[in-house]
PDB file of N, CA and C in Angstrom:
ATOM      1  N   UNK A   1     -45.024 249.540 -37.284  1.00  0.00           N
ATOM      2  CA  UNK A   1     -44.506 250.301 -38.408  1.00  0.00           C
ATOM      3  C   UNK A   1     -43.778 249.415 -39.341  1.00  0.00           C
ATOM      4  N   UNK A   2     -44.055 249.500 -40.667  1.00  0.00           N
ATOM      5  CA  UNK A   2     -43.285 248.681 -41.577  1.00  0.00           C
ATOM      6  C   UNK A   2     -42.617 249.670 -42.682  1.00  0.00           C
ATOM      7  N   UNK A   3     -41.415 249.136 -43.213  1.00  0.00           N
ATOM      8  CA  UNK A   3     -40.713 249.798 -44.190  1.00  0.00           C
ATOM      9  C   UNK A   3     -40.928 249.208 -45.500  1.00  0.00           C
ATOM     10  N   UNK A   4     -41.380 249.809 -46.518  1.00  0.00           N
ATOM     11  CA  UNK A   4     -41.622 249.209 -47.847  1.00  0.00           C
ATOM     12  C   UNK A   4     -40.321 249.230 -48.595  1.00  0.00           C
ATOM     13  N   UNK A   5     -40.045 247.986 -49.244  1.00  0.00           N
ATOM     14  CA  UNK A   5     -38.807 247.967 -50.092  1.00  0.00           C
ATOM     15  C   UNK A   5     -39.241 247.529 -51.474  1.00  0.00           C
ATOM     16  N   UNK A   6     -40.493 247.710 -51.834  1.00  0.00           N
ATOM     17  CA  UNK A   6     -40.882 247.286 -53.210  1.00  0.00           C
ATOM     18  C   UNK A   6     -40.273 248.130 -54.294  1.00  0.00           C
ATOM     19  N   UNK A   7     -39.648 249.293 -53.892  1.00  0.00           N
ATOM     20  CA  UNK A   7     -39.015 250.159 -54.980  1.00  0.00           C
ATOM     21  C   UNK A   7     -37.691 249.491 -55.420  1.00  0.00           C
ATOM     22  N   UNK A   8     -37.116 248.591 -54.699  1.00  0.00           N
ATOM     23  CA  UNK A   8     -35.862 247.932 -55.098  1.00  0.00           C
ATOM     24  C   UNK A   8     -36.159 246.621 -55.860  1.00  0.00           C
ATOM     25  N   UNK A   9     -35.690 246.550 -57.054  1.00  0.00           N
ATOM     26  CA  UNK A   9     -35.941 245.377 -57.939  1.00  0.00           C
ATOM     27  C   UNK A   9     -35.129 244.202 -57.493  1.00  0.00           C
ATOM     28  N   UNK A  10     -35.767 243.103 -57.524  1.00  0.00           N
ATOM     29  CA  UNK A  10     -35.136 241.852 -57.286  1.00  0.00           C
ATOM     30  C   UNK A  10     -34.723 241.172 -58.633  1.00  0.00           C
ATOM     31  N   UNK A  11     -33.771 240.242 -58.588  1.00  0.00           N
ATOM     32  CA  UNK A  11     -33.380 239.573 -59.820  1.00  0.00           C
ATOM     33  C   UNK A  11     -34.378 238.303 -59.854  1.00  0.00           C
ATOM     34  N   UNK A  12     -34.232 237.409 -60.881  1.00  0.00           N
ATOM     35  CA  UNK A  12     -34.990 236.230 -61.035  1.00  0.00           C
ATOM     36  C   UNK A  12     -34.335 235.093 -60.359  1.00  0.00           C
ATOM     37  N   UNK A  13     -33.189 235.325 -59.671  1.00  0.00           N
ATOM     38  CA  UNK A  13     -32.465 234.324 -58.846  1.00  0.00           C
ATOM     39  C   UNK A  13     -33.071 234.214 -57.397  1.00  0.00           C
ATOM     40  N   UNK A  14     -34.307 234.472 -57.258  1.00  0.00           N
ATOM     41  CA  UNK A  14     -35.051 234.420 -56.006  1.00  0.00           C
ATOM     42  C   UNK A  14     -35.721 233.035 -55.865  1.00  0.00           C
ATOM     43  N   UNK A  15     -35.844 232.529 -54.678  1.00  0.00           N
ATOM     44  CA  UNK A  15     -36.592 231.299 -54.478  1.00  0.00           C
ATOM     45  C   UNK A  15     -37.369 231.327 -53.154  1.00  0.00           C
ATOM     46  N   UNK A  16     -38.506 230.682 -53.260  1.00  0.00           N
ATOM     47  CA  UNK A  16     -39.450 230.566 -52.066  1.00  0.00           C
ATOM     48  C   UNK A  16     -39.316 229.162 -51.445  1.00  0.00           C
ATOM     49  N   UNK A  17     -39.295 229.126 -50.119  1.00  0.00           N
ATOM     50  CA  UNK A  17     -39.263 227.857 -49.386  1.00  0.00           C
ATOM     51  C   UNK A  17     -40.412 227.823 -48.398  1.00  0.00           C
ATOM     52  N   UNK A  18     -41.507 227.134 -48.746  1.00  0.00           N
ATOM     53  CA  UNK A  18     -42.584 227.043 -47.778  1.00  0.00           C
ATOM     54  C   UNK A  18     -42.292 225.925 -46.720  1.00  0.00           C
ATOM     55  N   UNK A  19     -42.801 226.078 -45.553  1.00  0.00           N
ATOM     56  CA  UNK A  19     -42.733 225.073 -44.564  1.00  0.00           C
ATOM     57  C   UNK A  19     -43.901 225.209 -43.615  1.00  0.00           C
ATOM     58  N   UNK A  20     -44.028 224.215 -42.703  1.00  0.00           N
ATOM     59  CA  UNK A  20     -45.164 224.286 -41.814  1.00  0.00           C
ATOM     60  C   UNK A  20     -44.760 224.058 -40.404  1.00  0.00           C
ATOM     61  N   UNK A  21     -45.331 224.774 -39.431  1.00  0.00           N
ATOM     62  CA  UNK A  21     -45.170 224.465 -37.996  1.00  0.00           C
ATOM     63  C   UNK A  21     -46.060 223.326 -37.597  1.00  0.00           C
ATOM     64  N   UNK A  22     -45.467 222.283 -37.177  1.00  0.00           N
ATOM     65  CA  UNK A  22     -46.122 221.061 -36.837  1.00  0.00           C
ATOM     66  C   UNK A  22     -45.715 220.455 -35.627  1.00  0.00           C
ATOM     67  N   UNK A  23     -46.678 220.197 -34.721  1.00  0.00           N
ATOM     68  CA  UNK A  23     -46.510 219.497 -33.514  1.00  0.00           C
ATOM     69  C   UNK A  23     -46.493 217.978 -33.783  1.00  0.00           C
ATOM     70  N   UNK A  24     -45.571 217.355 -33.087  1.00  0.00           N
ATOM     71  CA  UNK A  24     -45.558 215.858 -33.395  1.00  0.00           C
ATOM     72  C   UNK A  24     -45.384 215.146 -32.008  1.00  0.00           C
ATOM     73  N   UNK A  25     -46.120 214.128 -31.799  1.00  0.00           N
ATOM     74  CA  UNK A  25     -45.955 213.277 -30.672  1.00  0.00           C
ATOM     75  C   UNK A  25     -45.747 211.816 -31.078  1.00  0.00           C
ATOM     76  N   UNK A  26     -44.723 211.230 -30.514  1.00  0.00           N
ATOM     77  CA  UNK A  26     -44.432 209.840 -30.837  1.00  0.00           C
ATOM     78  C   UNK A  26     -44.745 209.032 -29.640  1.00  0.00           C
ATOM     79  N   UNK A  27     -45.412 207.909 -29.889  1.00  0.00           N
ATOM     80  CA  UNK A  27     -45.838 207.121 -28.815  1.00  0.00           C
ATOM     81  C   UNK A  27     -44.839 205.861 -28.791  1.00  0.00           C
ATOM     82  N   UNK A  28     -44.874 205.132 -27.757  1.00  0.00           N
ATOM     83  CA  UNK A  28     -43.932 204.076 -27.544  1.00  0.00           C
ATOM     84  C   UNK A  28     -44.055 202.913 -28.495  1.00  0.00           C
ATOM     85  N   UNK A  29     -45.209 202.692 -29.063  1.00  0.00           N
ATOM     86  CA  UNK A  29     -45.389 201.589 -30.009  1.00  0.00           C
ATOM     87  C   UNK A  29     -45.088 202.011 -31.476  1.00  0.00           C
ATOM     88  N   UNK A  30     -44.378 203.233 -31.617  1.00  0.00           N
ATOM     89  CA  UNK A  30     -44.071 203.623 -32.881  1.00  0.00           C
ATOM     90  C   UNK A  30     -45.121 204.539 -33.569  1.00  0.00           C
ATOM     91  N   UNK A  31     -46.325 204.706 -33.084  1.00  0.00           N
ATOM     92  CA  UNK A  31     -47.360 205.484 -33.635  1.00  0.00           C
ATOM     93  C   UNK A  31     -47.016 206.955 -33.449  1.00  0.00           C
ATOM     94  N   UNK A  32     -47.097 207.713 -34.454  1.00  0.00           N
ATOM     95  CA  UNK A  32     -46.871 209.183 -34.418  1.00  0.00           C
ATOM     96  C   UNK A  32     -48.130 209.936 -34.821  1.00  0.00           C
ATOM     97  N   UNK A  33     -48.385 210.973 -33.895  1.00  0.00           N
ATOM     98  CA  UNK A  33     -49.504 211.795 -34.214  1.00  0.00           C
ATOM     99  C   UNK A  33     -49.084 213.297 -34.459  1.00  0.00           C
ATOM    100  N   UNK A  34     -49.517 213.942 -35.545  1.00  0.00           N
ATOM    101  CA  UNK A  34     -49.102 215.199 -35.889  1.00  0.00           C
ATOM    102  C   UNK A  34     -50.364 216.204 -35.978  1.00  0.00           C
ATOM    103  N   UNK A  35     -50.107 217.391 -35.760  1.00  0.00           N
ATOM    104  CA  UNK A  35     -51.129 218.472 -35.921  1.00  0.00           C
ATOM    105  C   UNK A  35     -50.426 219.805 -36.319  1.00  0.00           C
ATOM    106  N   UNK A  36     -51.107 220.613 -36.990  1.00  0.00           N
ATOM    107  CA  UNK A  36     -50.630 221.929 -37.425  1.00  0.00           C
ATOM    108  C   UNK A  36     -50.630 222.767 -36.228  1.00  0.00           C
ATOM    109  N   UNK A  37     -49.550 223.605 -35.995  1.00  0.00           N
ATOM    110  CA  UNK A  37     -49.377 224.305 -34.725  1.00  0.00           C
ATOM    111  C   UNK A  37     -49.599 225.855 -34.911  1.00  0.00           C
ATOM    112  N   UNK A  38     -50.808 226.273 -34.405  1.00  0.00           N
ATOM    113  CA  UNK A  38     -51.136 227.720 -34.401  1.00  0.00           C
ATOM    114  C   UNK A  38     -51.904 228.220 -35.561  1.00  0.00           C
ATOM    115  N   UNK A  39     -52.381 229.432 -35.592  1.00  0.00           N
ATOM    116  CA  UNK A  39     -53.176 229.888 -36.706  1.00  0.00           C
ATOM    117  C   UNK A  39     -52.376 230.362 -37.932  1.00  0.00           C
ATOM    118  N   UNK A  40     -51.125 230.621 -37.705  1.00  0.00           N
ATOM    119  CA  UNK A  40     -50.214 231.000 -38.807  1.00  0.00           C
ATOM    120  C   UNK A  40     -49.140 229.901 -38.930  1.00  0.00           C
ATOM    121  N   UNK A  41     -49.599 228.723 -39.179  1.00  0.00           N
ATOM    122  CA  UNK A  41     -48.834 227.552 -39.190  1.00  0.00           C
ATOM    123  C   UNK A  41     -47.919 227.471 -40.503  1.00  0.00           C
ATOM    124  N   UNK A  42     -48.314 228.128 -41.482  1.00  0.00           N
ATOM    125  CA  UNK A  42     -47.547 228.086 -42.751  1.00  0.00           C
ATOM    126  C   UNK A  42     -46.460 229.139 -42.703  1.00  0.00           C
ATOM    127  N   UNK A  43     -45.118 228.693 -42.783  1.00  0.00           N
ATOM    128  CA  UNK A  43     -44.018 229.589 -42.856  1.00  0.00           C
ATOM    129  C   UNK A  43     -43.665 229.836 -44.291  1.00  0.00           C
ATOM    130  N   UNK A  44     -43.041 230.932 -44.474  1.00  0.00           N
ATOM    131  CA  UNK A  44     -42.599 231.220 -45.831  1.00  0.00           C
ATOM    132  C   UNK A  44     -41.244 231.908 -45.729  1.00  0.00           C
ATOM    133  N   UNK A  45     -40.368 231.515 -46.552  1.00  0.00           N
ATOM    134  CA  UNK A  45     -39.033 232.167 -46.572  1.00  0.00           C
ATOM    135  C   UNK A  45     -38.526 232.262 -48.019  1.00  0.00           C
ATOM    136  N   UNK A  46     -37.986 233.425 -48.232  1.00  0.00           N
ATOM    137  CA  UNK A  46     -37.560 233.755 -49.575  1.00  0.00           C
ATOM    138  C   UNK A  46     -35.969 234.003 -49.582  1.00  0.00           C
ATOM    139  N   UNK A  47     -35.317 233.448 -50.550  1.00  0.00           N
ATOM    140  CA  UNK A  47     -33.836 233.884 -50.753  1.00  0.00           C
ATOM    141  C   UNK A  47     -33.947 234.826 -51.885  1.00  0.00           C
ATOM    142  N   UNK A  48     -33.396 236.076 -51.571  1.00  0.00           N
ATOM    143  CA  UNK A  48     -33.575 237.161 -52.552  1.00  0.00           C
ATOM    144  C   UNK A  48     -32.281 237.784 -52.943  1.00  0.00           C
ATOM    145  N   UNK A  49     -32.204 238.278 -54.207  1.00  0.00           N
ATOM    146  CA  UNK A  49     -31.021 238.925 -54.676  1.00  0.00           C
ATOM    147  C   UNK A  49     -31.444 240.297 -55.320  1.00  0.00           C
ATOM    148  N   UNK A  50     -30.890 241.326 -54.877  1.00  0.00           N
ATOM    149  CA  UNK A  50     -31.067 242.703 -55.442  1.00  0.00           C
ATOM    150  C   UNK A  50     -29.875 243.087 -56.274  1.00  0.00           C
ATOM    151  N   UNK A  51     -30.078 243.428 -57.486  1.00  0.00           N
ATOM    152  CA  UNK A  51     -28.900 243.938 -58.292  1.00  0.00           C
ATOM    153  C   UNK A  51     -29.422 244.538 -59.599  1.00  0.00           C
ATOM    154  N   UNK A  52     -28.791 245.288 -60.398  1.00  0.00           N
ATOM    155  CA  UNK A  52     -27.573 246.034 -59.948  1.00  0.00           C
ATOM    156  C   UNK A  52     -28.020 247.364 -59.109  1.00  0.00           C
ATOM    157  N   UNK A  53     -27.203 247.553 -58.098  1.00  0.00           N
ATOM    158  CA  UNK A  53     -27.532 248.726 -57.220  1.00  0.00           C
ATOM    159  C   UNK A  53     -26.346 249.685 -57.301  1.00  0.00           C
ATOM    160  N   UNK A  54     -26.579 250.979 -57.301  1.00  0.00           N
ATOM    161  CA  UNK A  54     -25.599 252.048 -57.245  1.00  0.00           C
ATOM    162  C   UNK A  54     -24.970 251.901 -55.886  1.00  0.00           C
ATOM    163  N   UNK A  55     -23.840 252.528 -55.555  1.00  0.00           N
ATOM    164  CA  UNK A  55     -23.318 252.525 -54.197  1.00  0.00           C
ATOM    165  C   UNK A  55     -24.280 253.089 -53.197  1.00  0.00           C
ATOM    166  N   UNK A  56     -24.926 254.218 -53.550  1.00  0.00           N
ATOM    167  CA  UNK A  56     -25.815 254.876 -52.725  1.00  0.00           C
ATOM    168  C   UNK A  56     -27.043 254.020 -52.335  1.00  0.00           C
ATOM    169  N   UNK A  57     -27.629 253.499 -53.409  1.00  0.00           N
ATOM    170  CA  UNK A  57     -28.827 252.577 -53.252  1.00  0.00           C
ATOM    171  C   UNK A  57     -28.524 251.290 -52.443  1.00  0.00           C
ATOM    172  N   UNK A  58     -27.224 250.770 -52.697  1.00  0.00           N
ATOM    173  CA  UNK A  58     -26.838 249.534 -51.973  1.00  0.00           C
ATOM    174  C   UNK A  58     -26.665 249.845 -50.436  1.00  0.00           C
ATOM    175  N   UNK A  59     -26.083 251.032 -50.173  1.00  0.00           N
ATOM    176  CA  UNK A  59     -25.841 251.377 -48.769  1.00  0.00           C
ATOM    177  C   UNK A  59     -27.240 251.659 -48.079  1.00  0.00           C
ATOM    178  N   UNK A  60     -28.180 252.328 -48.767  1.00  0.00           N
ATOM    179  CA  UNK A  60     -29.477 252.543 -48.163  1.00  0.00           C
ATOM    180  C   UNK A  60     -30.248 251.260 -47.917  1.00  0.00           C
ATOM    181  N   UNK A  61     -30.307 250.339 -48.999  1.00  0.00           N
ATOM    182  CA  UNK A  61     -30.944 249.138 -48.823  1.00  0.00           C
ATOM    183  C   UNK A  61     -30.301 248.253 -47.717  1.00  0.00           C
ATOM    184  N   UNK A  62     -28.935 248.236 -47.691  1.00  0.00           N
ATOM    185  CA  UNK A  62     -28.289 247.431 -46.600  1.00  0.00           C
ATOM    186  C   UNK A  62     -28.749 247.971 -45.257  1.00  0.00           C
ATOM    187  N   UNK A  63     -28.704 249.216 -45.044  1.00  0.00           N
ATOM    188  CA  UNK A  63     -29.098 249.759 -43.782  1.00  0.00           C
ATOM    189  C   UNK A  63     -30.527 249.365 -43.403  1.00  0.00           C
ATOM    190  N   UNK A  64     -31.498 249.504 -44.339  1.00  0.00           N
ATOM    191  CA  UNK A  64     -32.901 249.081 -44.052  1.00  0.00           C
ATOM    192  C   UNK A  64     -32.970 247.593 -43.693  1.00  0.00           C
ATOM    193  N   UNK A  65     -32.262 246.755 -44.433  1.00  0.00           N
ATOM    194  CA  UNK A  65     -32.239 245.289 -44.078  1.00  0.00           C
ATOM    195  C   UNK A  65     -31.669 245.041 -42.802  1.00  0.00           C
ATOM    196  N   UNK A  66     -30.462 245.664 -42.476  1.00  0.00           N
ATOM    197  CA  UNK A  66     -29.867 245.379 -41.218  1.00  0.00           C
ATOM    198  C   UNK A  66     -30.662 245.924 -40.011  1.00  0.00           C
ATOM    199  N   UNK A  67     -31.474 246.915 -40.185  1.00  0.00           N
ATOM    200  CA  UNK A  67     -32.362 247.440 -39.107  1.00  0.00           C
ATOM    201  C   UNK A  67     -33.413 246.349 -38.826  1.00  0.00           C
ATOM    202  N   UNK A  68     -33.895 245.721 -39.863  1.00  0.00           N
ATOM    203  CA  UNK A  68     -34.939 244.576 -39.703  1.00  0.00           C
ATOM    204  C   UNK A  68     -34.247 243.360 -38.883  1.00  0.00           C
ATOM    205  N   UNK A  69     -32.937 243.122 -39.278  1.00  0.00           N
ATOM    206  CA  UNK A  69     -32.310 242.095 -38.661  1.00  0.00           C
ATOM    207  C   UNK A  69     -32.160 242.219 -37.148  1.00  0.00           C
ATOM    208  N   UNK A  70     -31.708 243.504 -36.785  1.00  0.00           N
ATOM    209  CA  UNK A  70     -31.356 243.714 -35.364  1.00  0.00           C
ATOM    210  C   UNK A  70     -32.636 244.204 -34.633  1.00  0.00           C
ATOM    211  N   UNK A  71     -33.805 244.265 -35.246  1.00  0.00           N
ATOM    212  CA  UNK A  71     -34.976 244.590 -34.528  1.00  0.00           C
ATOM    213  C   UNK A  71     -35.222 246.130 -34.296  1.00  0.00           C
ATOM    214  N   UNK A  72     -34.382 246.974 -34.759  1.00  0.00           N
ATOM    215  CA  UNK A  72     -34.763 248.440 -34.573  1.00  0.00           C
ATOM    216  C   UNK A  72     -35.853 248.896 -35.536  1.00  0.00           C
ATOM    217  N   UNK A  73     -36.127 248.224 -36.641  1.00  0.00           N
ATOM    218  CA  UNK A  73     -37.277 248.473 -37.437  1.00  0.00           C
ATOM    219  C   UNK A  73     -38.203 247.270 -37.290  1.00  0.00           C
ATOM    220  N   UNK A  74     -39.482 247.528 -37.185  1.00  0.00           N
ATOM    221  CA  UNK A  74     -40.473 246.514 -36.896  1.00  0.00           C
ATOM    222  C   UNK A  74     -40.427 245.324 -37.909  1.00  0.00           C
ATOM    223  N   UNK A  75     -40.809 245.681 -39.169  1.00  0.00           N
ATOM    224  CA  UNK A  75     -40.828 244.688 -40.139  1.00  0.00           C
ATOM    225  C   UNK A  75     -40.716 245.362 -41.519  1.00  0.00           C
ATOM    226  N   UNK A  76     -40.439 244.558 -42.540  1.00  0.00           N
ATOM    227  CA  UNK A  76     -40.385 245.103 -43.878  1.00  0.00           C
ATOM    228  C   UNK A  76     -41.657 244.795 -44.633  1.00  0.00           C
ATOM    229  N   UNK A  77     -42.132 245.602 -45.536  1.00  0.00           N
ATOM    230  CA  UNK A  77     -43.271 245.387 -46.388  1.00  0.00           C
ATOM    231  C   UNK A  77     -42.717 245.086 -47.843  1.00  0.00           C
ATOM    232  N   UNK A  78     -42.959 243.811 -48.326  1.00  0.00           N
ATOM    233  CA  UNK A  78     -42.483 243.455 -49.714  1.00  0.00           C
ATOM    234  C   UNK A  78     -43.547 242.647 -50.342  1.00  0.00           C
ATOM    235  N   UNK A  79     -43.700 242.818 -51.604  1.00  0.00           N
ATOM    236  CA  UNK A  79     -44.529 241.982 -52.476  1.00  0.00           C
ATOM    237  C   UNK A  79     -43.760 241.024 -53.214  1.00  0.00           C
ATOM    238  N   UNK A  80     -43.921 239.661 -52.939  1.00  0.00           N
ATOM    239  CA  UNK A  80     -43.206 238.631 -53.721  1.00  0.00           C
ATOM    240  C   UNK A  80     -43.638 238.591 -55.076  1.00  0.00           C
ATOM    241  N   UNK A  81     -42.683 238.097 -55.849  1.00  0.00           N
ATOM    242  CA  UNK A  81     -43.012 237.966 -57.358  1.00  0.00           C
ATOM    243  C   UNK A  81     -44.108 237.075 -57.572  1.00  0.00           C
ATOM    244  N   UNK A  82     -44.984 237.506 -58.465  1.00  0.00           N
ATOM    245  CA  UNK A  82     -46.190 236.710 -58.803  1.00  0.00           C
ATOM    246  C   UNK A  82     -47.416 236.907 -57.867  1.00  0.00           C
ATOM    247  N   UNK A  83     -47.237 237.675 -56.797  1.00  0.00           N
ATOM    248  CA  UNK A  83     -48.332 237.961 -55.871  1.00  0.00           C
ATOM    249  C   UNK A  83     -48.793 239.376 -56.001  1.00  0.00           C
ATOM    250  N   UNK A  84     -50.099 239.554 -55.571  1.00  0.00           N
ATOM    251  CA  UNK A  84     -50.721 240.799 -55.755  1.00  0.00           C
ATOM    252  C   UNK A  84     -50.550 241.815 -54.607  1.00  0.00           C
ATOM    253  N   UNK A  85     -50.316 241.279 -53.398  1.00  0.00           N
ATOM    254  CA  UNK A  85     -50.233 242.172 -52.287  1.00  0.00           C
ATOM    255  C   UNK A  85     -49.026 241.969 -51.435  1.00  0.00           C
ATOM    256  N   UNK A  86     -48.606 243.084 -50.762  1.00  0.00           N
ATOM    257  CA  UNK A  86     -47.376 243.037 -49.882  1.00  0.00           C
ATOM    258  C   UNK A  86     -47.723 242.182 -48.628  1.00  0.00           C
ATOM    259  N   UNK A  87     -46.609 241.586 -48.147  1.00  0.00           N
ATOM    260  CA  UNK A  87     -46.684 240.921 -46.848  1.00  0.00           C
ATOM    261  C   UNK A  87     -45.595 241.438 -45.902  1.00  0.00           C
ATOM    262  N   UNK A  88     -45.632 241.086 -44.674  1.00  0.00           N
ATOM    263  CA  UNK A  88     -44.624 241.522 -43.749  1.00  0.00           C
ATOM    264  C   UNK A  88     -43.491 240.521 -43.594  1.00  0.00           C
ATOM    265  N   UNK A  89     -42.193 241.022 -43.431  1.00  0.00           N
ATOM    266  CA  UNK A  89     -41.068 240.165 -43.513  1.00  0.00           C
ATOM    267  C   UNK A  89     -39.973 240.760 -42.492  1.00  0.00           C
ATOM    268  N   UNK A  90     -39.084 239.861 -42.150  1.00  0.00           N
ATOM    269  CA  UNK A  90     -37.802 240.293 -41.377  1.00  0.00           C
ATOM    270  C   UNK A  90     -36.760 239.732 -42.327  1.00  0.00           C
ATOM    271  N   UNK A  91     -35.593 240.498 -42.402  1.00  0.00           N
ATOM    272  CA  UNK A  91     -34.476 240.033 -43.140  1.00  0.00           C
ATOM    273  C   UNK A  91     -33.497 239.187 -42.257  1.00  0.00           C
ATOM    274  N   UNK A  92     -32.805 238.292 -42.883  1.00  0.00           N
ATOM    275  CA  UNK A  92     -31.776 237.439 -42.261  1.00  0.00           C
ATOM    276  C   UNK A  92     -30.570 237.214 -43.231  1.00  0.00           C
ATOM    277  N   UNK A  93     -29.488 237.039 -42.745  1.00  0.00           N
ATOM    278  CA  UNK A  93     -28.311 236.846 -43.473  1.00  0.00           C
ATOM    279  C   UNK A  93     -28.091 237.820 -44.663  1.00  0.00           C
ATOM    280  N   UNK A  94     -27.878 238.950 -44.387  1.00  0.00           N
ATOM    281  CA  UNK A  94     -27.757 240.006 -45.353  1.00  0.00           C
ATOM    282  C   UNK A  94     -26.186 240.036 -45.886  1.00  0.00           C
ATOM    283  N   UNK A  95     -26.055 239.972 -47.124  1.00  0.00           N
ATOM    284  CA  UNK A  95     -24.686 239.894 -47.776  1.00  0.00           C
ATOM    285  C   UNK A  95     -24.578 240.944 -48.917  1.00  0.00           C
ATOM    286  N   UNK A  96     -23.571 241.730 -48.860  1.00  0.00           N
ATOM    287  CA  UNK A  96     -23.421 242.781 -49.865  1.00  0.00           C
ATOM    288  C   UNK A  96     -22.002 242.508 -50.555  1.00  0.00           C
ATOM    289  N   UNK A  97     -22.142 242.558 -51.886  1.00  0.00           N
ATOM    290  CA  UNK A  97     -20.877 242.366 -52.667  1.00  0.00           C
ATOM    291  C   UNK A  97     -20.835 243.200 -53.884  1.00  0.00           C
ATOM    292  N   UNK A  98     -19.557 243.658 -54.258  1.00  0.00           N
ATOM    293  CA  UNK A  98     -19.474 244.504 -55.404  1.00  0.00           C
ATOM    294  C   UNK A  98     -19.558 243.704 -56.705  1.00  0.00           C
ATOM    295  N   UNK A  99     -20.260 244.257 -57.645  1.00  0.00           N
ATOM    296  CA  UNK A  99     -20.201 243.583 -59.054  1.00  0.00           C
ATOM    297  C   UNK A  99     -19.137 244.183 -59.951  1.00  0.00           C
ATOM    298  N   UNK A 100     -18.991 245.506 -59.770  1.00  0.00           N
ATOM    299  CA  UNK A 100     -17.958 246.243 -60.588  1.00  0.00           C
ATOM    300  C   UNK A 100     -17.503 247.428 -59.544  1.00  0.00           C
ATOM    301  N   UNK A 101     -16.914 248.438 -60.230  1.00  0.00           N
ATOM    302  CA  UNK A 101     -16.501 249.542 -59.424  1.00  0.00           C
ATOM    303  C   UNK A 101     -17.612 250.500 -59.082  1.00  0.00           C
ATOM    304  N   UNK A 102     -18.772 250.296 -59.755  1.00  0.00           N
ATOM    305  CA  UNK A 102     -19.908 251.204 -59.620  1.00  0.00           C
ATOM    306  C   UNK A 102     -21.198 250.574 -59.146  1.00  0.00           C
ATOM    307  N   UNK A 103     -21.236 249.186 -59.228  1.00  0.00           N
ATOM    308  CA  UNK A 103     -22.592 248.478 -58.885  1.00  0.00           C
ATOM    309  C   UNK A 103     -22.336 247.439 -57.870  1.00  0.00           C
ATOM    310  N   UNK A 104     -23.350 247.135 -57.205  1.00  0.00           N
ATOM    311  CA  UNK A 104     -23.385 246.138 -56.013  1.00  0.00           C
ATOM    312  C   UNK A 104     -24.565 245.262 -56.185  1.00  0.00           C
ATOM    313  N   UNK A 105     -24.408 244.088 -55.463  1.00  0.00           N
ATOM    314  CA  UNK A 105     -25.473 243.150 -55.278  1.00  0.00           C
ATOM    315  C   UNK A 105     -25.697 243.015 -53.734  1.00  0.00           C
ATOM    316  N   UNK A 106     -26.932 242.730 -53.395  1.00  0.00           N
ATOM    317  CA  UNK A 106     -27.341 242.447 -52.036  1.00  0.00           C
ATOM    318  C   UNK A 106     -28.152 241.110 -52.018  1.00  0.00           C
ATOM    319  N   UNK A 107     -27.684 240.119 -51.261  1.00  0.00           N
ATOM    320  CA  UNK A 107     -28.557 238.946 -51.062  1.00  0.00           C
ATOM    321  C   UNK A 107     -28.945 238.787 -49.668  1.00  0.00           C
ATOM    322  N   UNK A 108     -30.046 238.245 -49.492  1.00  0.00           N
ATOM    323  CA  UNK A 108     -30.576 238.055 -48.116  1.00  0.00           C
ATOM    324  C   UNK A 108     -31.742 237.023 -48.084  1.00  0.00           C
ATOM    325  N   UNK A 109     -32.120 236.594 -47.014  1.00  0.00           N
ATOM    326  CA  UNK A 109     -33.360 235.819 -46.847  1.00  0.00           C
ATOM    327  C   UNK A 109     -34.337 236.626 -46.086  1.00  0.00           C
ATOM    328  N   UNK A 110     -35.699 236.404 -46.538  1.00  0.00           N
ATOM    329  CA  UNK A 110     -36.825 237.052 -45.903  1.00  0.00           C
ATOM    330  C   UNK A 110     -37.565 236.037 -45.201  1.00  0.00           C
ATOM    331  N   UNK A 111     -37.983 236.201 -44.003  1.00  0.00           N
ATOM    332  CA  UNK A 111     -38.942 235.302 -43.258  1.00  0.00           C
ATOM    333  C   UNK A 111     -40.200 236.036 -43.098  1.00  0.00           C
ATOM    334  N   UNK A 112     -41.295 235.416 -43.356  1.00  0.00           N
ATOM    335  CA  UNK A 112     -42.593 236.121 -43.195  1.00  0.00           C
ATOM    336  C   UNK A 112     -42.959 236.223 -41.732  1.00  0.00           C
ATOM    337  N   UNK A 113     -43.450 237.369 -41.447  1.00  0.00           N
ATOM    338  CA  UNK A 113     -43.836 237.686 -40.072  1.00  0.00           C
ATOM    339  C   UNK A 113     -45.388 237.964 -40.002  1.00  0.00           C
ATOM    340  N   UNK A 114     -45.979 237.734 -38.875  1.00  0.00           N
ATOM    341  CA  UNK A 114     -47.310 238.034 -38.569  1.00  0.00           C
ATOM    342  C   UNK A 114     -47.432 238.964 -37.364  1.00  0.00           C
ATOM    343  N   UNK A 115     -47.204 240.302 -37.626  1.00  0.00           N
ATOM    344  CA  UNK A 115     -47.169 241.175 -36.426  1.00  0.00           C
ATOM    345  C   UNK A 115     -48.561 241.409 -35.991  1.00  0.00           C
ATOM    346  N   UNK A 116     -48.606 241.846 -34.737  1.00  0.00           N
ATOM    347  CA  UNK A 116     -49.944 242.121 -34.119  1.00  0.00           C
ATOM    348  C   UNK A 116     -50.583 243.344 -34.610  1.00  0.00           C
ATOM    349  N   UNK A 117     -49.802 244.318 -35.020  1.00  0.00           N
ATOM    350  CA  UNK A 117     -50.474 245.562 -35.534  1.00  0.00           C
ATOM    351  C   UNK A 117     -50.190 245.812 -36.940  1.00  0.00           C
TER     352      UNK A 117
END
């Protein structure tokens, strides 16, 4: 089961960090051999900021993200900026801060997941 968070708008202060799972073997003569590791070898992580959020919306979004962090919710469904379809994610490093007496910001990082179902 995944929880969609596409209804929460992100700011343009978001950034994507691609990386690869690579196996590396180094031999005694200095020669290094590398190979991509697994069928989902390309990792993707986003740093995301949601704002402005009302107190109610900030509390709801924070709870959804924290459930993803601690594993009680399977994954999040989110469509990254500039992409056409949603992908599966888990949240990490969730931070909530007030912008004013009535609005909040939430920042976190999303790591792409490849669930079995």
